[in-house]
């Protein structure tokens, strides 16, 4: 929504300082709360990055997805995308060009031991 009422904070992640202050996102499902570390922040459209991809047929496919996101990222987060079986992609509109999107790709945080 243009008003920023839904997912309005996602566009703030284009700022390195904002990401630095908020490097994690939390995703709640009926099974519980999941914590994710942001691996990449990008502005792209579907022709540049297939953010609509919902499933991966192999770990290599998921690693390629995360690697492409990191290659397009606005800055380096230091969070590796490879080796994680759960990835969360958050997408909202961006207005730099037609069909532009703000995209966060995050990987499930390892449980503390």
PDB file of N, CA and C in Angstrom:
ATOM      1  N   UNK A   1       0.833  -1.179   0.000  1.00  0.00           N
ATOM      2  CA  UNK A   1       0.000   0.000   0.000  1.00  0.00           C
ATOM      3  C   UNK A   1       0.877   1.242   0.000  1.00  0.00           C
ATOM      4  N   UNK A   2       0.504   2.215  -0.760  1.00  0.00           N
ATOM      5  CA  UNK A   2       1.270   3.458  -0.822  1.00  0.00           C
ATOM      6  C   UNK A   2       1.404   4.136   0.535  1.00  0.00           C
ATOM      7  N   UNK A   3       0.439   3.927   1.425  1.00  0.00           N
ATOM      8  CA  UNK A   3       0.447   4.579   2.732  1.00  0.00           C
ATOM      9  C   UNK A   3       1.521   4.020   3.661  1.00  0.00           C
ATOM     10  N   UNK A   4       2.047   2.846   3.352  1.00  0.00           N
ATOM     11  CA  UNK A   4       3.031   2.212   4.231  1.00  0.00           C
ATOM     12  C   UNK A   4       2.402   1.449   5.383  1.00  0.00           C
ATOM     13  N   UNK A   5       1.069   1.356   5.386  1.00  0.00           N
ATOM     14  CA  UNK A   5       0.374   0.681   6.479  1.00  0.00           C
ATOM     15  C   UNK A   5       0.706  -0.804   6.541  1.00  0.00           C
ATOM     16  N   UNK A   6       0.925  -1.425   5.398  1.00  0.00           N
ATOM     17  CA  UNK A   6       1.262  -2.845   5.381  1.00  0.00           C
ATOM     18  C   UNK A   6       2.715  -3.005   4.947  1.00  0.00           C
ATOM     19  N   UNK A   7       3.520  -3.606   5.783  1.00  0.00           N
ATOM     20  CA  UNK A   7       4.936  -3.863   5.483  1.00  0.00           C
ATOM     21  C   UNK A   7       5.711  -2.576   5.221  1.00  0.00           C
ATOM     22  N   UNK A   8       5.265  -1.477   5.781  1.00  0.00           N
ATOM     23  CA  UNK A   8       5.884  -0.175   5.544  1.00  0.00           C
ATOM     24  C   UNK A   8       7.344  -0.098   5.933  1.00  0.00           C
ATOM     25  N   UNK A   9       7.758  -0.894   6.911  1.00  0.00           N
ATOM     26  CA  UNK A   9       9.154  -0.841   7.350  1.00  0.00           C
ATOM     27  C   UNK A   9      10.107  -1.538   6.394  1.00  0.00           C
ATOM     28  N   UNK A  10       9.620  -2.366   5.488  1.00  0.00           N
ATOM     29  CA  UNK A  10      10.532  -3.075   4.587  1.00  0.00           C
ATOM     30  C   UNK A  10      11.362  -2.119   3.752  1.00  0.00           C
ATOM     31  N   UNK A  11      10.798  -0.997   3.334  1.00  0.00           N
ATOM     32  CA  UNK A  11      11.577  -0.056   2.525  1.00  0.00           C
ATOM     33  C   UNK A  11      12.697   0.596   3.318  1.00  0.00           C
ATOM     34  N   UNK A  12      12.572   0.628   4.638  1.00  0.00           N
ATOM     35  CA  UNK A  12      13.635   1.208   5.470  1.00  0.00           C
ATOM     36  C   UNK A  12      14.915   0.372   5.420  1.00  0.00           C
ATOM     37  N   UNK A  13      14.769  -0.898   5.078  1.00  0.00           N
ATOM     38  CA  UNK A  13      15.937  -1.779   5.018  1.00  0.00           C
ATOM     39  C   UNK A  13      16.910  -1.412   3.901  1.00  0.00           C
ATOM     40  N   UNK A  14      16.539  -0.514   3.019  1.00  0.00           N
ATOM     41  CA  UNK A  14      17.483  -0.044   2.003  1.00  0.00           C
ATOM     42  C   UNK A  14      18.628   0.730   2.643  1.00  0.00           C
ATOM     43  N   UNK A  15      18.440   1.162   3.866  1.00  0.00           N
ATOM     44  CA  UNK A  15      19.480   1.862   4.622  1.00  0.00           C
ATOM     45  C   UNK A  15      20.302   0.860   5.425  1.00  0.00           C
ATOM     46  N   UNK A  16      21.600   0.894   5.232  1.00  0.00           N
ATOM     47  CA  UNK A  16      22.502   0.019   5.977  1.00  0.00           C
ATOM     48  C   UNK A  16      22.324   0.226   7.480  1.00  0.00           C
ATOM     49  N   UNK A  17      22.186   1.473   7.896  1.00  0.00           N
ATOM     50  CA  UNK A  17      22.036   1.763   9.323  1.00  0.00           C
ATOM     51  C   UNK A  17      20.760   1.152   9.896  1.00  0.00           C
ATOM     52  N   UNK A  18      19.685   1.182   9.129  1.00  0.00           N
ATOM     53  CA  UNK A  18      18.432   0.574   9.602  1.00  0.00           C
ATOM     54  C   UNK A  18      18.605  -0.937   9.720  1.00  0.00           C
ATOM     55  N   UNK A  19      19.214  -1.554   8.703  1.00  0.00           N
ATOM     56  CA  UNK A  19      19.463  -3.000   8.780  1.00  0.00           C
ATOM     57  C   UNK A  19      20.335  -3.326   9.987  1.00  0.00           C
ATOM     58  N   UNK A  20      21.374  -2.541  10.209  1.00  0.00           N
ATOM     59  CA  UNK A  20      22.300  -2.785  11.313  1.00  0.00           C
ATOM     60  C   UNK A  20      21.554  -2.781  12.655  1.00  0.00           C
ATOM     61  N   UNK A  21      20.574  -1.892  12.781  1.00  0.00           N
ATOM     62  CA  UNK A  21      19.788  -1.806  14.015  1.00  0.00           C
ATOM     63  C   UNK A  21      18.709  -2.894  14.100  1.00  0.00           C
ATOM     64  N   UNK A  22      18.336  -3.483  12.947  1.00  0.00           N
ATOM     65  CA  UNK A  22      17.264  -4.482  12.892  1.00  0.00           C
ATOM     66  C   UNK A  22      17.679  -5.647  11.983  1.00  0.00           C
ATOM     67  N   UNK A  23      18.699  -6.416  12.352  1.00  0.00           N
ATOM     68  CA  UNK A  23      19.227  -7.454  11.464  1.00  0.00           C
ATOM     69  C   UNK A  23      18.406  -8.745  11.416  1.00  0.00           C
ATOM     70  N   UNK A  24      17.350  -8.815  12.197  1.00  0.00           N
ATOM     71  CA  UNK A  24      16.545 -10.036  12.259  1.00  0.00           C
ATOM     72  C   UNK A  24      15.066  -9.693  12.067  1.00  0.00           C
ATOM     73  N   UNK A  25      14.333 -10.675  11.552  1.00  0.00           N
ATOM     74  CA  UNK A  25      12.879 -10.569  11.466  1.00  0.00           C
ATOM     75  C   UNK A  25      12.298 -11.804  12.140  1.00  0.00           C
ATOM     76  N   UNK A  26      11.080 -11.669  12.596  1.00  0.00           N
ATOM     77  CA  UNK A  26      10.398 -12.762  13.273  1.00  0.00           C
ATOM     78  C   UNK A  26       9.125 -13.073  12.497  1.00  0.00           C
ATOM     79  N   UNK A  27       8.866 -14.362  12.297  1.00  0.00           N
ATOM     80  CA  UNK A  27       7.735 -14.813  11.501  1.00  0.00           C
ATOM     81  C   UNK A  27       6.929 -15.784  12.347  1.00  0.00           C
ATOM     82  N   UNK A  28       5.686 -15.411  12.629  1.00  0.00           N
ATOM     83  CA  UNK A  28       4.853 -16.240  13.476  1.00  0.00           C
ATOM     84  C   UNK A  28       3.881 -17.068  12.652  1.00  0.00           C
ATOM     85  N   UNK A  29       3.823 -18.352  12.965  1.00  0.00           N
ATOM     86  CA  UNK A  29       2.896 -19.297  12.341  1.00  0.00           C
ATOM     87  C   UNK A  29       2.125 -19.986  13.470  1.00  0.00           C
ATOM     88  N   UNK A  30       1.128 -20.792  13.146  1.00  0.00           N
ATOM     89  CA  UNK A  30       0.435 -21.540  14.205  1.00  0.00           C
ATOM     90  C   UNK A  30       1.372 -22.460  14.997  1.00  0.00           C
ATOM     91  N   UNK A  31       2.486 -22.860  14.380  1.00  0.00           N
ATOM     92  CA  UNK A  31       3.448 -23.741  15.061  1.00  0.00           C
ATOM     93  C   UNK A  31       4.387 -22.982  15.998  1.00  0.00           C
ATOM     94  N   UNK A  32       4.426 -21.668  15.902  1.00  0.00           N
ATOM     95  CA  UNK A  32       5.299 -20.891  16.785  1.00  0.00           C
ATOM     96  C   UNK A  32       6.015 -19.769  16.054  1.00  0.00           C
ATOM     97  N   UNK A  33       6.922 -19.139  16.777  1.00  0.00           N
ATOM     98  CA  UNK A  33       7.665 -17.987  16.275  1.00  0.00           C
ATOM     99  C   UNK A  33       8.993 -18.446  15.689  1.00  0.00           C
ATOM    100  N   UNK A  34       9.297 -17.986  14.476  1.00  0.00           N
ATOM    101  CA  UNK A  34      10.580 -18.285  13.855  1.00  0.00           C
ATOM    102  C   UNK A  34      11.425 -17.028  13.761  1.00  0.00           C
ATOM    103  N   UNK A  35      12.694 -17.159  14.028  1.00  0.00           N
ATOM    104  CA  UNK A  35      13.627 -16.043  13.941  1.00  0.00           C
ATOM    105  C   UNK A  35      14.498 -16.226  12.707  1.00  0.00           C
ATOM    106  N   UNK A  36      14.645 -15.158  11.924  1.00  0.00           N
ATOM    107  CA  UNK A  36      15.393 -15.199  10.670  1.00  0.00           C
ATOM    108  C   UNK A  36      16.412 -14.064  10.639  1.00  0.00           C
ATOM    109  N   UNK A  37      17.604 -14.379  10.137  1.00  0.00           N
ATOM    110  CA  UNK A  37      18.650 -13.369   9.952  1.00  0.00           C
ATOM    111  C   UNK A  37      18.604 -12.891   8.507  1.00  0.00           C
ATOM    112  N   UNK A  38      18.641 -11.601   8.309  1.00  0.00           N
ATOM    113  CA  UNK A  38      18.538 -11.034   6.961  1.00  0.00           C
ATOM    114  C   UNK A  38      19.861 -11.238   6.230  1.00  0.00           C
ATOM    115  N   UNK A  39      19.801 -11.976   5.125  1.00  0.00           N
ATOM    116  CA  UNK A  39      20.984 -12.282   4.326  1.00  0.00           C
ATOM    117  C   UNK A  39      21.171 -11.295   3.178  1.00  0.00           C
ATOM    118  N   UNK A  40      20.059 -10.728   2.665  1.00  0.00           N
ATOM    119  CA  UNK A  40      20.161  -9.809   1.531  1.00  0.00           C
ATOM    120  C   UNK A  40      18.994  -8.832   1.538  1.00  0.00           C
ATOM    121  N   UNK A  41      19.293  -7.613   1.129  1.00  0.00           N
ATOM    122  CA  UNK A  41      18.297  -6.549   0.958  1.00  0.00           C
ATOM    123  C   UNK A  41      18.467  -6.053  -0.465  1.00  0.00           C
ATOM    124  N   UNK A  42      17.406  -6.124  -1.256  1.00  0.00           N
ATOM    125  CA  UNK A  42      17.556  -5.690  -2.641  1.00  0.00           C
ATOM    126  C   UNK A  42      16.325  -4.990  -3.156  1.00  0.00           C
ATOM    127  N   UNK A  43      16.526  -4.247  -4.211  1.00  0.00           N
ATOM    128  CA  UNK A  43      15.455  -3.634  -4.985  1.00  0.00           C
ATOM    129  C   UNK A  43      15.561  -4.262  -6.361  1.00  0.00           C
ATOM    130  N   UNK A  44      14.489  -4.928  -6.765  1.00  0.00           N
ATOM    131  CA  UNK A  44      14.523  -5.654  -8.033  1.00  0.00           C
ATOM    132  C   UNK A  44      13.089  -5.836  -8.516  1.00  0.00           C
ATOM    133  N   UNK A  45      12.977  -6.344  -9.723  1.00  0.00           N
ATOM    134  CA  UNK A  45      11.680  -6.793 -10.219  1.00  0.00           C
ATOM    135  C   UNK A  45      11.832  -8.262 -10.589  1.00  0.00           C
ATOM    136  N   UNK A  46      10.743  -8.887 -10.970  1.00  0.00           N
ATOM    137  CA  UNK A  46      10.769 -10.333 -11.203  1.00  0.00           C
ATOM    138  C   UNK A  46      11.680 -10.715 -12.378  1.00  0.00           C
ATOM    139  N   UNK A  47      11.951  -9.785 -13.284  1.00  0.00           N
ATOM    140  CA  UNK A  47      12.870 -10.099 -14.390  1.00  0.00           C
ATOM    141  C   UNK A  47      14.323 -10.164 -13.912  1.00  0.00           C
ATOM    142  N   UNK A  48      14.609  -9.527 -12.775  1.00  0.00           N
ATOM    143  CA  UNK A  48      15.961  -9.515 -12.229  1.00  0.00           C
ATOM    144  C   UNK A  48      16.186 -10.624 -11.196  1.00  0.00           C
ATOM    145  N   UNK A  49      15.126 -10.926 -10.442  1.00  0.00           N
ATOM    146  CA  UNK A  49      15.219 -11.882  -9.339  1.00  0.00           C
ATOM    147  C   UNK A  49      13.851 -12.524  -9.155  1.00  0.00           C
ATOM    148  N   UNK A  50      13.787 -13.846  -9.202  1.00  0.00           N
ATOM    149  CA  UNK A  50      12.512 -14.557  -9.121  1.00  0.00           C
ATOM    150  C   UNK A  50      12.063 -14.701  -7.670  1.00  0.00           C
ATOM    151  N   UNK A  51      11.622 -13.585  -7.089  1.00  0.00           N
ATOM    152  CA  UNK A  51      11.198 -13.587  -5.700  1.00  0.00           C
ATOM    153  C   UNK A  51       9.885 -14.339  -5.495  1.00  0.00           C
ATOM    154  N   UNK A  52       9.208 -14.730  -6.564  1.00  0.00           N
ATOM    155  CA  UNK A  52       7.958 -15.479  -6.455  1.00  0.00           C
ATOM    156  C   UNK A  52       8.189 -16.982  -6.294  1.00  0.00           C
ATOM    157  N   UNK A  53       9.420 -17.417  -6.421  1.00  0.00           N
ATOM    158  CA  UNK A  53       9.716 -18.842  -6.283  1.00  0.00           C
ATOM    159  C   UNK A  53       9.425 -19.278  -4.854  1.00  0.00           C
ATOM    160  N   UNK A  54       8.563 -20.278  -4.716  1.00  0.00           N
ATOM    161  CA  UNK A  54       8.120 -20.692  -3.387  1.00  0.00           C
ATOM    162  C   UNK A  54       8.709 -22.019  -2.926  1.00  0.00           C
ATOM    163  N   UNK A  55       9.219 -22.813  -3.844  1.00  0.00           N
ATOM    164  CA  UNK A  55       9.798 -24.091  -3.439  1.00  0.00           C
ATOM    165  C   UNK A  55      11.053 -24.376  -4.264  1.00  0.00           C
ATOM    166  N   UNK A  56      11.892 -25.201  -3.694  1.00  0.00           N
ATOM    167  CA  UNK A  56      13.165 -25.542  -4.318  1.00  0.00           C
ATOM    168  C   UNK A  56      13.270 -27.065  -4.356  1.00  0.00           C
ATOM    169  N   UNK A  57      13.762 -27.592  -5.467  1.00  0.00           N
ATOM    170  CA  UNK A  57      13.821 -29.034  -5.648  1.00  0.00           C
ATOM    171  C   UNK A  57      15.068 -29.669  -5.051  1.00  0.00           C
ATOM    172  N   UNK A  58      16.031 -28.838  -4.706  1.00  0.00           N
ATOM    173  CA  UNK A  58      17.261 -29.380  -4.130  1.00  0.00           C
ATOM    174  C   UNK A  58      17.946 -28.293  -3.303  1.00  0.00           C
ATOM    175  N   UNK A  59      18.838 -28.708  -2.413  1.00  0.00           N
ATOM    176  CA  UNK A  59      19.598 -27.712  -1.658  1.00  0.00           C
ATOM    177  C   UNK A  59      20.411 -26.784  -2.575  1.00  0.00           C
ATOM    178  N   UNK A  60      20.893 -27.323  -3.706  1.00  0.00           N
ATOM    179  CA  UNK A  60      21.668 -26.492  -4.638  1.00  0.00           C
ATOM    180  C   UNK A  60      20.811 -25.379  -5.232  1.00  0.00           C
ATOM    181  N   UNK A  61      19.546 -25.673  -5.523  1.00  0.00           N
ATOM    182  CA  UNK A  61      18.637 -24.654  -6.046  1.00  0.00           C
ATOM    183  C   UNK A  61      18.431 -23.532  -5.034  1.00  0.00           C
ATOM    184  N   UNK A  62      18.246 -23.906  -3.770  1.00  0.00           N
ATOM    185  CA  UNK A  62      18.079 -22.917  -2.710  1.00  0.00           C
ATOM    186  C   UNK A  62      19.351 -22.094  -2.544  1.00  0.00           C
ATOM    187  N   UNK A  63      20.503 -22.740  -2.589  1.00  0.00           N
ATOM    188  CA  UNK A  63      21.773 -22.022  -2.478  1.00  0.00           C
ATOM    189  C   UNK A  63      21.951 -21.052  -3.638  1.00  0.00           C
ATOM    190  N   UNK A  64      21.547 -21.434  -4.850  1.00  0.00           N
ATOM    191  CA  UNK A  64      21.644 -20.543  -6.012  1.00  0.00           C
ATOM    192  C   UNK A  64      20.724 -19.333  -5.838  1.00  0.00           C
ATOM    193  N   UNK A  65      19.527 -19.555  -5.306  1.00  0.00           N
ATOM    194  CA  UNK A  65      18.578 -18.473  -5.039  1.00  0.00           C
ATOM    195  C   UNK A  65      19.190 -17.466  -4.057  1.00  0.00           C
ATOM    196  N   UNK A  66      19.728 -17.982  -2.947  1.00  0.00           N
ATOM    197  CA  UNK A  66      20.337 -17.118  -1.940  1.00  0.00           C
ATOM    198  C   UNK A  66      21.565 -16.407  -2.500  1.00  0.00           C
ATOM    199  N   UNK A  67      22.364 -17.091  -3.295  1.00  0.00           N
ATOM    200  CA  UNK A  67      23.555 -16.466  -3.888  1.00  0.00           C
ATOM    201  C   UNK A  67      23.166 -15.339  -4.839  1.00  0.00           C
ATOM    202  N   UNK A  68      22.110 -15.544  -5.626  1.00  0.00           N
ATOM    203  CA  UNK A  68      21.673 -14.484  -6.529  1.00  0.00           C
ATOM    204  C   UNK A  68      21.165 -13.288  -5.732  1.00  0.00           C
ATOM    205  N   UNK A  69      20.422 -13.535  -4.661  1.00  0.00           N
ATOM    206  CA  UNK A  69      19.942 -12.438  -3.816  1.00  0.00           C
ATOM    207  C   UNK A  69      21.121 -11.661  -3.241  1.00  0.00           C
ATOM    208  N   UNK A  70      22.127 -12.373  -2.747  1.00  0.00           N
ATOM    209  CA  UNK A  70      23.294 -11.703  -2.169  1.00  0.00           C
ATOM    210  C   UNK A  70      24.066 -10.916  -3.228  1.00  0.00           C
ATOM    211  N   UNK A  71      24.124 -11.428  -4.459  1.00  0.00           N
ATOM    212  CA  UNK A  71      24.823 -10.718  -5.537  1.00  0.00           C
ATOM    213  C   UNK A  71      24.117  -9.410  -5.890  1.00  0.00           C
ATOM    214  N   UNK A  72      22.801  -9.366  -5.732  1.00  0.00           N
ATOM    215  CA  UNK A  72      22.024  -8.164  -6.039  1.00  0.00           C
ATOM    216  C   UNK A  72      21.803  -7.271  -4.824  1.00  0.00           C
ATOM    217  N   UNK A  73      22.241  -7.714  -3.662  1.00  0.00           N
ATOM    218  CA  UNK A  73      21.989  -6.991  -2.417  1.00  0.00           C
ATOM    219  C   UNK A  73      22.583  -5.588  -2.450  1.00  0.00           C
ATOM    220  N   UNK A  74      21.909  -4.669  -1.787  1.00  0.00           N
ATOM    221  CA  UNK A  74      22.373  -3.283  -1.723  1.00  0.00           C
ATOM    222  C   UNK A  74      23.648  -3.146  -0.900  1.00  0.00           C
ATOM    223  N   UNK A  75      23.875  -4.084   0.018  1.00  0.00           N
ATOM    224  CA  UNK A  75      25.076  -4.080   0.852  1.00  0.00           C
ATOM    225  C   UNK A  75      25.292  -5.481   1.402  1.00  0.00           C
ATOM    226  N   UNK A  76      26.480  -5.720   1.910  1.00  0.00           N
ATOM    227  CA  UNK A  76      26.838  -7.026   2.472  1.00  0.00           C
ATOM    228  C   UNK A  76      26.344  -7.101   3.914  1.00  0.00           C
ATOM    229  N   UNK A  77      25.616  -8.166   4.230  1.00  0.00           N
ATOM    230  CA  UNK A  77      25.109  -8.350   5.586  1.00  0.00           C
ATOM    231  C   UNK A  77      25.990  -9.268   6.424  1.00  0.00           C
ATOM    232  N   UNK A  78      26.848 -10.039   5.759  1.00  0.00           N
ATOM    233  CA  UNK A  78      27.681 -10.980   6.487  1.00  0.00           C
ATOM    234  C   UNK A  78      26.962 -12.273   6.832  1.00  0.00           C
ATOM    235  N   UNK A  79      25.719 -12.413   6.413  1.00  0.00           N
ATOM    236  CA  UNK A  79      24.941 -13.627   6.668  1.00  0.00           C
ATOM    237  C   UNK A  79      25.009 -14.498   5.426  1.00  0.00           C
ATOM    238  N   UNK A  80      25.522 -15.699   5.584  1.00  0.00           N
ATOM    239  CA  UNK A  80      25.620 -16.618   4.454  1.00  0.00           C
ATOM    240  C   UNK A  80      24.234 -17.140   4.101  1.00  0.00           C
ATOM    241  N   UNK A  81      23.975 -17.323   2.826  1.00  0.00           N
ATOM    242  CA  UNK A  81      22.702 -17.890   2.396  1.00  0.00           C
ATOM    243  C   UNK A  81      22.791 -19.380   2.166  1.00  0.00           C
ATOM    244  N   UNK A  82      23.992 -19.894   2.007  1.00  0.00           N
ATOM    245  CA  UNK A  82      24.167 -21.319   1.708  1.00  0.00           C
ATOM    246  C   UNK A  82      24.110 -22.140   2.987  1.00  0.00           C
ATOM    247  N   UNK A  83      23.620 -23.360   2.844  1.00  0.00           N
ATOM    248  CA  UNK A  83      23.612 -24.279   3.962  1.00  0.00           C
ATOM    249  C   UNK A  83      22.386 -24.170   4.857  1.00  0.00           C
ATOM    250  N   UNK A  84      21.434 -23.326   4.504  1.00  0.00           N
ATOM    251  CA  UNK A  84      20.227 -23.170   5.302  1.00  0.00           C
ATOM    252  C   UNK A  84      19.063 -23.790   4.558  1.00  0.00           C
ATOM    253  N   UNK A  85      18.275 -24.579   5.267  1.00  0.00           N
ATOM    254  CA  UNK A  85      17.165 -25.242   4.593  1.00  0.00           C
ATOM    255  C   UNK A  85      15.890 -24.411   4.597  1.00  0.00           C
ATOM    256  N   UNK A  86      15.818 -23.371   5.421  1.00  0.00           N
ATOM    257  CA  UNK A  86      14.623 -22.541   5.480  1.00  0.00           C
ATOM    258  C   UNK A  86      14.983 -21.100   5.160  1.00  0.00           C
ATOM    259  N   UNK A  87      14.360 -20.589   4.109  1.00  0.00           N
ATOM    260  CA  UNK A  87      14.579 -19.217   3.680  1.00  0.00           C
ATOM    261  C   UNK A  87      13.239 -18.498   3.644  1.00  0.00           C
ATOM    262  N   UNK A  88      13.227 -17.264   4.104  1.00  0.00           N
ATOM    263  CA  UNK A  88      12.030 -16.433   4.108  1.00  0.00           C
ATOM    264  C   UNK A  88      12.289 -15.248   3.182  1.00  0.00           C
ATOM    265  N   UNK A  89      11.380 -15.018   2.233  1.00  0.00           N
ATOM    266  CA  UNK A  89      11.500 -13.877   1.339  1.00  0.00           C
ATOM    267  C   UNK A  89      10.303 -12.962   1.579  1.00  0.00           C
ATOM    268  N   UNK A  90      10.588 -11.718   1.949  1.00  0.00           N
ATOM    269  CA  UNK A  90       9.559 -10.710   2.170  1.00  0.00           C
ATOM    270  C   UNK A  90       9.625  -9.700   1.037  1.00  0.00           C
ATOM    271  N   UNK A  91       8.471  -9.378   0.458  1.00  0.00           N
ATOM    272  CA  UNK A  91       8.431  -8.514  -0.720  1.00  0.00           C
ATOM    273  C   UNK A  91       7.321  -7.479  -0.558  1.00  0.00           C
ATOM    274  N   UNK A  92       7.629  -6.248  -0.909  1.00  0.00           N
ATOM    275  CA  UNK A  92       6.616  -5.197  -0.966  1.00  0.00           C
ATOM    276  C   UNK A  92       6.949  -4.271  -2.127  1.00  0.00           C
ATOM    277  N   UNK A  93       6.006  -3.455  -2.480  1.00  0.00           N
ATOM    278  CA  UNK A  93       6.205  -2.549  -3.617  1.00  0.00           C
ATOM    279  C   UNK A  93       7.295  -1.527  -3.324  1.00  0.00           C
ATOM    280  N   UNK A  94       7.950  -1.127  -4.382  1.00  0.00           N
ATOM    281  CA  UNK A  94       8.925  -0.045  -4.349  1.00  0.00           C
ATOM    282  C   UNK A  94       8.610   0.816  -5.568  1.00  0.00           C
ATOM    283  N   UNK A  95       9.024   2.050  -5.555  1.00  0.00           N
ATOM    284  CA  UNK A  95       8.539   2.959  -6.599  1.00  0.00           C
ATOM    285  C   UNK A  95       9.655   3.609  -7.415  1.00  0.00           C
ATOM    286  N   UNK A  96      10.844   2.997  -7.425  1.00  0.00           N
ATOM    287  CA  UNK A  96      11.947   3.545  -8.224  1.00  0.00           C
ATOM    288  C   UNK A  96      11.702   3.375  -9.717  1.00  0.00           C
ATOM    289  N   UNK A  97      11.037   2.312 -10.111  1.00  0.00           N
ATOM    290  CA  UNK A  97      10.670   2.065 -11.504  1.00  0.00           C
ATOM    291  C   UNK A  97       9.442   1.166 -11.504  1.00  0.00           C
ATOM    292  N   UNK A  98       8.817   1.029 -12.647  1.00  0.00           N
ATOM    293  CA  UNK A  98       7.613   0.194 -12.765  1.00  0.00           C
ATOM    294  C   UNK A  98       7.961  -1.245 -12.372  1.00  0.00           C
ATOM    295  N   UNK A  99       7.147  -1.837 -11.539  1.00  0.00           N
ATOM    296  CA  UNK A  99       7.293  -3.219 -11.061  1.00  0.00           C
ATOM    297  C   UNK A  99       8.454  -3.418 -10.079  1.00  0.00           C
ATOM    298  N   UNK A 100       9.080  -2.354  -9.598  1.00  0.00           N
ATOM    299  CA  UNK A 100      10.162  -2.486  -8.612  1.00  0.00           C
ATOM    300  C   UNK A 100       9.602  -3.007  -7.297  1.00  0.00           C
ATOM    301  N   UNK A 101      10.428  -3.773  -6.587  1.00  0.00           N
ATOM    302  CA  UNK A 101      10.041  -4.331  -5.290  1.00  0.00           C
ATOM    303  C   UNK A 101      11.174  -4.160  -4.281  1.00  0.00           C
ATOM    304  N   UNK A 102      10.797  -3.974  -3.020  1.00  0.00           N
ATOM    305  CA  UNK A 102      11.727  -4.075  -1.900  1.00  0.00           C
ATOM    306  C   UNK A 102      11.707  -5.543  -1.485  1.00  0.00           C
ATOM    307  N   UNK A 103      12.872  -6.154  -1.382  1.00  0.00           N
ATOM    308  CA  UNK A 103      12.941  -7.591  -1.101  1.00  0.00           C
ATOM    309  C   UNK A 103      13.945  -7.848   0.026  1.00  0.00           C
ATOM    310  N   UNK A 104      13.520  -8.629   0.997  1.00  0.00           N
ATOM    311  CA  UNK A 104      14.425  -9.125   2.031  1.00  0.00           C
ATOM    312  C   UNK A 104      14.475 -10.637   1.891  1.00  0.00           C
ATOM    313  N   UNK A 105      15.660 -11.187   1.863  1.00  0.00           N
ATOM    314  CA  UNK A 105      15.829 -12.636   1.892  1.00  0.00           C
ATOM    315  C   UNK A 105      16.522 -12.941   3.217  1.00  0.00           C
ATOM    316  N   UNK A 106      15.862 -13.769   4.020  1.00  0.00           N
ATOM    317  CA  UNK A 106      16.379 -14.081   5.349  1.00  0.00           C
ATOM    318  C   UNK A 106      16.458 -15.593   5.526  1.00  0.00           C
ATOM    319  N   UNK A 107      17.378 -16.025   6.360  1.00  0.00           N
ATOM    320  CA  UNK A 107      17.565 -17.442   6.632  1.00  0.00           C
ATOM    321  C   UNK A 107      17.251 -17.727   8.091  1.00  0.00           C
ATOM    322  N   UNK A 108      16.691 -18.895   8.322  1.00  0.00           N
ATOM    323  CA  UNK A 108      16.278 -19.260   9.679  1.00  0.00           C
ATOM    324  C   UNK A 108      17.500 -19.273  10.600  1.00  0.00           C
ATOM    325  N   UNK A 109      17.367 -18.596  11.732  1.00  0.00           N
ATOM    326  CA  UNK A 109      18.464 -18.552  12.709  1.00  0.00           C
ATOM    327  C   UNK A 109      18.606 -19.910  13.373  1.00  0.00           C
ATOM    328  N   UNK A 110      19.825 -20.280  13.620  1.00  0.00           N
ATOM    329  CA  UNK A 110      20.101 -21.539  14.321  1.00  0.00           C
ATOM    330  C   UNK A 110      19.625 -21.401  15.754  1.00  0.00           C
ATOM    331  N   UNK A 111      18.961 -22.413  16.286  1.00  0.00           N
ATOM    332  CA  UNK A 111      18.560 -22.336  17.702  1.00  0.00           C
ATOM    333  C   UNK A 111      19.788 -22.282  18.600  1.00  0.00           C
ATOM    334  N   UNK A 112      19.661 -21.496  19.669  1.00  0.00           N
ATOM    335  CA  UNK A 112      20.777 -21.412  20.617  1.00  0.00           C
ATOM    336  C   UNK A 112      20.871 -22.693  21.400  1.00  0.00           C
ATOM    337  N   UNK A 113      22.093 -23.128  21.644  1.00  0.00           N
ATOM    338  CA  UNK A 113      22.306 -24.391  22.373  1.00  0.00           C
ATOM    339  C   UNK A 113      22.744 -24.128  23.770  1.00  0.00           C
TER     340      UNK A 113
END
